[in-house]
PDB file of N, CA and C in Angstrom:
ATOM      1  N   MET A   1       0.906  -1.137   0.087  1.00  0.00           N
ATOM      2  CA  MET A   1       0.028  -0.030   0.025  1.00  0.00           C
ATOM      3  C   MET A   1       0.994   1.262   0.037  1.00  0.00           C
ATOM      4  N   ILE A   2       2.118   1.167   0.736  1.00  0.00           N
ATOM      5  CA  ILE A   2       2.890   2.397   0.964  1.00  0.00           C
ATOM      6  C   ILE A   2       3.512   2.629  -0.467  1.00  0.00           C
ATOM      7  N   THR A   3       3.914   1.500  -1.142  1.00  0.00           N
ATOM      8  CA  THR A   3       4.644   1.710  -2.356  1.00  0.00           C
ATOM      9  C   THR A   3       3.469   2.257  -3.398  1.00  0.00           C
ATOM     10  N   GLY A   4       2.517   1.837  -3.545  1.00  0.00           N
ATOM     11  CA  GLY A   4       1.521   2.500  -4.385  1.00  0.00           C
ATOM     12  C   GLY A   4       1.275   3.818  -4.099  1.00  0.00           C
ATOM     13  N   LEU A   5       1.024   4.137  -2.875  1.00  0.00           N
ATOM     14  CA  LEU A   5       1.019   5.613  -2.491  1.00  0.00           C
ATOM     15  C   LEU A   5       2.049   6.475  -3.116  1.00  0.00           C
ATOM     16  N   ILE A   6       3.165   5.950  -2.706  1.00  0.00           N
ATOM     17  CA  ILE A   6       4.533   6.687  -3.169  1.00  0.00           C
ATOM     18  C   ILE A   6       4.451   6.845  -4.730  1.00  0.00           C
ATOM     19  N   ARG A   7       4.114   5.855  -5.356  1.00  0.00           N
ATOM     20  CA  ARG A   7       4.119   5.859  -6.977  1.00  0.00           C
ATOM     21  C   ARG A   7       3.046   6.849  -7.250  1.00  0.00           C
ATOM     22  N   TYR A   8       1.856   6.931  -6.619  1.00  0.00           N
ATOM     23  CA  TYR A   8       0.732   7.908  -7.006  1.00  0.00           C
ATOM     24  C   TYR A   8       0.991   9.079  -6.759  1.00  0.00           C
ATOM     25  N   THR A   9       1.769   9.455  -5.528  1.00  0.00           N
ATOM     26  CA  THR A   9       2.041  10.850  -5.265  1.00  0.00           C
ATOM     27  C   THR A   9       3.109  11.534  -6.298  1.00  0.00           C
ATOM     28  N   LYS A  10       3.723  10.842  -7.103  1.00  0.00           N
ATOM     29  CA  LYS A  10       4.635  11.323  -8.132  1.00  0.00           C
ATOM     30  C   LYS A  10       3.740  11.651  -9.437  1.00  0.00           C
ATOM     31  N   ASP A  11       2.814  11.072  -9.630  1.00  0.00           N
ATOM     32  CA  ASP A  11       1.730  11.538 -10.613  1.00  0.00           C
ATOM     33  C   ASP A  11       0.978  12.807 -10.271  1.00  0.00           C
ATOM     34  N   ASP A  12       0.620  13.673 -11.177  1.00  0.00           N
ATOM     35  CA  ASP A  12      -0.118  14.801 -10.926  1.00  0.00           C
ATOM     36  C   ASP A  12      -1.655  14.524 -10.473  1.00  0.00           C
ATOM     37  N   SER A  13      -2.020  13.319 -10.920  1.00  0.00           N
ATOM     38  CA  SER A  13      -3.511  13.023 -10.264  1.00  0.00           C
ATOM     39  C   SER A  13      -3.714  12.988  -9.030  1.00  0.00           C
ATOM     40  N   PHE A  14      -2.519  12.795  -8.069  1.00  0.00           N
ATOM     41  CA  PHE A  14      -2.764  12.973  -6.733  1.00  0.00           C
ATOM     42  C   PHE A  14      -3.268  14.254  -6.215  1.00  0.00           C
ATOM     43  N   LYS A  15      -2.927  15.324  -6.951  1.00  0.00           N
ATOM     44  CA  LYS A  15      -3.353  16.614  -6.751  1.00  0.00           C
ATOM     45  C   LYS A  15      -4.916  16.663  -6.842  1.00  0.00           C
ATOM     46  N   ILE A  16      -5.290  15.997  -7.853  1.00  0.00           N
ATOM     47  CA  ILE A  16      -6.865  15.944  -7.957  1.00  0.00           C
ATOM     48  C   ILE A  16      -7.574  15.369  -6.911  1.00  0.00           C
ATOM     49  N   VAL A  17      -7.014  14.271  -6.426  1.00  0.00           N
ATOM     50  CA  VAL A  17      -7.729  13.644  -5.298  1.00  0.00           C
ATOM     51  C   VAL A  17      -7.657  14.473  -3.979  1.00  0.00           C
ATOM     52  N   TYR A  18      -6.448  15.029  -3.818  1.00  0.00           N
ATOM     53  CA  TYR A  18      -6.206  16.043  -2.719  1.00  0.00           C
ATOM     54  C   TYR A  18      -7.230  17.253  -2.611  1.00  0.00           C
ATOM     55  N   SER A  19      -7.565  17.593  -3.982  1.00  0.00           N
ATOM     56  CA  SER A  19      -8.464  18.859  -4.154  1.00  0.00           C
ATOM     57  C   SER A  19      -9.869  18.319  -3.524  1.00  0.00           C
ATOM     58  N   HIS A  20     -10.440  17.084  -3.399  1.00  0.00           N
ATOM     59  CA  HIS A  20     -11.352  17.015  -3.054  1.00  0.00           C
ATOM     60  C   HIS A  20     -11.516  16.186  -1.562  1.00  0.00           C
ATOM     61  N   LYS A  21     -11.345  17.135  -0.627  1.00  0.00           N
ATOM     62  CA  LYS A  21     -11.174  16.786   0.740  1.00  0.00           C
ATOM     63  C   LYS A  21     -12.391  16.038   1.424  1.00  0.00           C
ATOM     64  N   SER A  22     -13.497  16.559   0.815  1.00  0.00           N
ATOM     65  CA  SER A  22     -14.786  15.900   1.353  1.00  0.00           C
ATOM     66  C   SER A  22     -14.917  14.362   1.134  1.00  0.00           C
ATOM     67  N   PHE A  23     -14.406  14.090  -0.284  1.00  0.00           N
ATOM     68  CA  PHE A  23     -14.222  12.683  -0.523  1.00  0.00           C
ATOM     69  C   PHE A  23     -13.177  11.791   0.386  1.00  0.00           C
ATOM     70  N   ILE A  24     -12.230  12.444   0.632  1.00  0.00           N
ATOM     71  CA  ILE A  24     -11.148  11.744   1.517  1.00  0.00           C
ATOM     72  C   ILE A  24     -11.791  11.482   2.940  1.00  0.00           C
ATOM     73  N   LEU A  25     -12.527  12.495   3.475  1.00  0.00           N
ATOM     74  CA  LEU A  25     -13.273  12.669   4.737  1.00  0.00           C
ATOM     75  C   LEU A  25     -14.306  11.343   4.830  1.00  0.00           C
ATOM     76  N   ILE A  26     -14.917  11.315   3.764  1.00  0.00           N
ATOM     77  CA  ILE A  26     -15.963  10.317   3.592  1.00  0.00           C
ATOM     78  C   ILE A  26     -15.456   8.883   3.550  1.00  0.00           C
ATOM     79  N   MET A  27     -14.580   8.605   2.690  1.00  0.00           N
ATOM     80  CA  MET A  27     -13.914   7.361   2.637  1.00  0.00           C
ATOM     81  C   MET A  27     -13.183   7.006   3.823  1.00  0.00           C
ATOM     82  N   ALA A  28     -12.624   7.898   4.625  1.00  0.00           N
ATOM     83  CA  ALA A  28     -12.109   7.551   5.787  1.00  0.00           C
ATOM     84  C   ALA A  28     -12.947   7.104   7.072  1.00  0.00           C
ATOM     85  N   LEU A  29     -13.983   8.141   7.018  1.00  0.00           N
ATOM     86  CA  LEU A  29     -15.007   7.556   8.073  1.00  0.00           C
ATOM     87  C   LEU A  29     -15.732   6.453   7.616  1.00  0.00           C
ATOM     88  N   GLY A  30     -15.995   5.957   6.528  1.00  0.00           N
ATOM     89  CA  GLY A  30     -16.598   4.853   5.956  1.00  0.00           C
ATOM     90  C   GLY A  30     -15.654   3.571   6.291  1.00  0.00           C
ATOM     91  N   SER A  31     -14.507   3.803   6.114  1.00  0.00           N
ATOM     92  CA  SER A  31     -13.549   2.837   6.600  1.00  0.00           C
ATOM     93  C   SER A  31     -13.611   2.556   8.139  1.00  0.00           C
ATOM     94  N   ILE A  32     -13.155   3.649   8.938  1.00  0.00           N
ATOM     95  CA  ILE A  32     -13.447   3.528  10.317  1.00  0.00           C
ATOM     96  C   ILE A  32     -14.873   2.793  10.817  1.00  0.00           C
ATOM     97  N   LEU A  33     -16.000   3.269  10.211  1.00  0.00           N
ATOM     98  CA  LEU A  33     -17.278   2.887  10.630  1.00  0.00           C
ATOM     99  C   LEU A  33     -17.209   1.231  10.259  1.00  0.00           C
ATOM    100  N   GLY A  34     -16.916   0.758   8.964  1.00  0.00           N
ATOM    101  CA  GLY A  34     -16.866  -0.588   8.587  1.00  0.00           C
ATOM    102  C   GLY A  34     -16.058  -1.422   9.474  1.00  0.00           C
ATOM    103  N   ALA A  35     -14.840  -0.860   9.950  1.00  0.00           N
ATOM    104  CA  ALA A  35     -14.032  -1.728  10.779  1.00  0.00           C
ATOM    105  C   ALA A  35     -14.771  -1.872  12.255  1.00  0.00           C
ATOM    106  N   PHE A  36     -15.219  -0.987  12.560  1.00  0.00           N
ATOM    107  CA  PHE A  36     -15.832  -1.095  14.071  1.00  0.00           C
ATOM    108  C   PHE A  36     -17.084  -1.906  13.822  1.00  0.00           C
ATOM    109  N   LEU A  37     -17.864  -1.761  12.792  1.00  0.00           N
ATOM    110  CA  LEU A  37     -18.985  -2.621  12.580  1.00  0.00           C
ATOM    111  C   LEU A  37     -18.746  -4.144  12.372  1.00  0.00           C
ATOM    112  N   GLY A  38     -17.423  -4.133  11.759  1.00  0.00           N
ATOM    113  CA  GLY A  38     -17.101  -5.650  11.588  1.00  0.00           C
ATOM    114  C   GLY A  38     -16.496  -6.428  12.854  1.00  0.00           C
ATOM    115  N   GLY A  39     -15.858  -5.457  13.520  1.00  0.00           N
ATOM    116  CA  GLY A  39     -15.445  -6.064  14.843  1.00  0.00           C
ATOM    117  C   GLY A  39     -16.452  -6.325  15.714  1.00  0.00           C
ATOM    118  N   LEU A  40     -17.524  -5.848  15.826  1.00  0.00           N
ATOM    119  CA  LEU A  40     -18.820  -6.031  16.404  1.00  0.00           C
ATOM    120  C   LEU A  40     -19.402  -7.484  16.071  1.00  0.00           C
ATOM    121  N   LEU A  41     -19.589  -7.486  14.810  1.00  0.00           N
ATOM    122  CA  LEU A  41     -20.015  -8.694  14.179  1.00  0.00           C
ATOM    123  C   LEU A  41     -19.296  -9.938  14.375  1.00  0.00           C
ATOM    124  N   LEU A  42     -17.988  -9.795  14.688  1.00  0.00           N
ATOM    125  CA  LEU A  42     -17.351 -11.079  14.905  1.00  0.00           C
ATOM    126  C   LEU A  42     -17.814 -12.054  15.986  1.00  0.00           C
ATOM    127  N   GLY A  43     -18.415 -11.469  16.982  1.00  0.00           N
ATOM    128  CA  GLY A  43     -18.670 -12.229  18.055  1.00  0.00           C
ATOM    129  C   GLY A  43     -20.505 -12.608  17.986  1.00  0.00           C
ATOM    130  N   VAL A  44     -20.823 -12.131  16.892  1.00  0.00           N
ATOM    131  CA  VAL A  44     -22.476 -12.347  16.769  1.00  0.00           C
ATOM    132  C   VAL A  44     -22.474 -13.311  15.565  1.00  0.00           C
ATOM    133  N   VAL A  45     -21.893 -13.018  14.441  1.00  0.00           N
ATOM    134  CA  VAL A  45     -21.961 -13.857  13.221  1.00  0.00           C
ATOM    135  C   VAL A  45     -20.841 -14.781  13.128  1.00  0.00           C
ATOM    136  N   SER A  46     -21.220 -15.729  12.460  1.00  0.00           N
ATOM    137  CA  SER A  46     -20.172 -16.794  12.137  1.00  0.00           C
ATOM    138  C   SER A  46     -19.182 -16.606  11.355  1.00  0.00           C
ATOM    139  N   GLU A  47     -17.997 -16.969  11.544  1.00  0.00           N
ATOM    140  CA  GLU A  47     -16.698 -16.719  10.430  1.00  0.00           C
ATOM    141  C   GLU A  47     -17.248 -17.173   9.071  1.00  0.00           C
ATOM    142  N   SER A  48     -18.058 -18.308   9.062  1.00  0.00           N
ATOM    143  CA  SER A  48     -18.202 -18.995   7.818  1.00  0.00           C
ATOM    144  C   SER A  48     -19.066 -17.844   7.006  1.00  0.00           C
ATOM    145  N   ILE A  49     -19.705 -17.075   7.368  1.00  0.00           N
ATOM    146  CA  ILE A  49     -20.598 -16.142   6.901  1.00  0.00           C
ATOM    147  C   ILE A  49     -19.972 -14.720   6.654  1.00  0.00           C
ATOM    148  N   LEU A  50     -19.182 -14.258   7.541  1.00  0.00           N
ATOM    149  CA  LEU A  50     -18.339 -13.214   7.432  1.00  0.00           C
ATOM    150  C   LEU A  50     -17.274 -13.152   6.179  1.00  0.00           C
ATOM    151  N   ILE A  51     -16.495 -14.248   6.332  1.00  0.00           N
ATOM    152  CA  ILE A  51     -15.480 -14.327   5.317  1.00  0.00           C
ATOM    153  C   ILE A  51     -15.975 -14.406   3.835  1.00  0.00           C
ATOM    154  N   PRO A  52     -16.818 -15.060   3.542  1.00  0.00           N
ATOM    155  CA  PRO A  52     -17.496 -14.761   2.268  1.00  0.00           C
ATOM    156  C   PRO A  52     -18.125 -13.594   2.040  1.00  0.00           C
ATOM    157  N   LEU A  53     -18.812 -12.982   2.837  1.00  0.00           N
ATOM    158  CA  LEU A  53     -19.193 -11.770   2.720  1.00  0.00           C
ATOM    159  C   LEU A  53     -18.038 -10.490   2.496  1.00  0.00           C
ATOM    160  N   LEU A  54     -17.068 -10.703   3.111  1.00  0.00           N
ATOM    161  CA  LEU A  54     -15.795  -9.972   2.793  1.00  0.00           C
ATOM    162  C   LEU A  54     -15.349 -10.058   1.520  1.00  0.00           C
ATOM    163  N   VAL A  55     -15.210 -11.363   1.011  1.00  0.00           N
ATOM    164  CA  VAL A  55     -14.581 -11.616  -0.358  1.00  0.00           C
ATOM    165  C   VAL A  55     -15.707 -10.997  -1.376  1.00  0.00           C
ATOM    166  N   ILE A  56     -16.914 -11.099  -1.002  1.00  0.00           N
ATOM    167  CA  ILE A  56     -17.828 -10.493  -2.150  1.00  0.00           C
ATOM    168  C   ILE A  56     -17.656  -9.115  -2.221  1.00  0.00           C
ATOM    169  N   ILE A  57     -17.416  -8.413  -1.020  1.00  0.00           N
ATOM    170  CA  ILE A  57     -17.328  -6.904  -1.133  1.00  0.00           C
ATOM    171  C   ILE A  57     -15.919  -6.694  -1.741  1.00  0.00           C
ATOM    172  N   LEU A  58     -14.734  -7.363  -1.422  1.00  0.00           N
ATOM    173  CA  LEU A  58     -13.644  -7.156  -2.183  1.00  0.00           C
ATOM    174  C   LEU A  58     -13.745  -7.308  -3.609  1.00  0.00           C
ATOM    175  N   LEU A  59     -14.508  -8.565  -4.115  1.00  0.00           N
ATOM    176  CA  LEU A  59     -14.434  -8.690  -5.581  1.00  0.00           C
ATOM    177  C   LEU A  59     -15.119  -7.715  -6.282  1.00  0.00           C
ATOM    178  N   ILE A  60     -16.336  -7.246  -5.661  1.00  0.00           N
ATOM    179  CA  ILE A  60     -17.106  -6.068  -6.167  1.00  0.00           C
ATOM    180  C   ILE A  60     -16.418  -4.889  -6.261  1.00  0.00           C
ATOM    181  N   SER A  61     -15.631  -4.686  -5.197  1.00  0.00           N
ATOM    182  CA  SER A  61     -14.644  -3.326  -5.349  1.00  0.00           C
ATOM    183  C   SER A  61     -13.712  -3.302  -6.528  1.00  0.00           C
ATOM    184  N   SER A  62     -12.981  -4.607  -6.448  1.00  0.00           N
ATOM    185  CA  SER A  62     -11.933  -4.796  -7.440  1.00  0.00           C
ATOM    186  C   SER A  62     -12.531  -4.619  -8.906  1.00  0.00           C
ATOM    187  N   TYR A  63     -13.690  -5.204  -9.093  1.00  0.00           N
ATOM    188  CA  TYR A  63     -14.363  -5.110 -10.451  1.00  0.00           C
ATOM    189  C   TYR A  63     -14.730  -3.796 -10.901  1.00  0.00           C
ATOM    190  N   LYS A  64     -15.097  -2.853  -9.871  1.00  0.00           N
ATOM    191  CA  LYS A  64     -15.504  -1.607 -10.084  1.00  0.00           C
ATOM    192  C   LYS A  64     -14.121  -0.782 -10.391  1.00  0.00           C
ATOM    193  N   ILE A  65     -12.943  -0.916  -9.927  1.00  0.00           N
ATOM    194  CA  ILE A  65     -11.856  -0.398  -9.966  1.00  0.00           C
ATOM    195  C   ILE A  65     -11.398  -0.651 -11.373  1.00  0.00           C
ATOM    196  N   TRP A  66     -11.305  -1.987 -11.740  1.00  0.00           N
ATOM    197  CA  TRP A  66     -10.576  -2.424 -13.125  1.00  0.00           C
ATOM    198  C   TRP A  66     -11.583  -2.187 -14.135  1.00  0.00           C
ATOM    199  N   THR A  67     -12.830  -1.731 -14.014  1.00  0.00           N
ATOM    200  CA  THR A  67     -13.779  -1.335 -15.060  1.00  0.00           C
ATOM    201  C   THR A  67     -13.937  -0.034 -15.165  1.00  0.00           C
ATOM    202  N   HIS A  68     -13.495   0.812 -14.301  1.00  0.00           N
ATOM    203  CA  HIS A  68     -13.792   2.331 -14.374  1.00  0.00           C
ATOM    204  C   HIS A  68     -12.909   3.004 -15.500  1.00  0.00           C
ATOM    205  N   LYS A  69     -13.518   3.910 -16.312  1.00  0.00           N
ATOM    206  CA  LYS A  69     -12.885   4.464 -17.227  1.00  0.00           C
ATOM    207  C   LYS A  69     -12.981   5.883 -17.246  1.00  0.00           C
TER     208      LYS A  69
END
């Protein structure tokens, strides 16, 4: 992740992302909320449900990234 960030900061497109501070804030808050809720679910929902759910979320995310134009 750090290597990707370093390579990305050398590109001018990083300036575009930085100019959208609200986007960065929303993404950070969503990540924190998701980690918190996921931690709460560990004691309630079985691993056999949580892991496939995480896989589905990651597959959808990667598909959206690779097909973005």
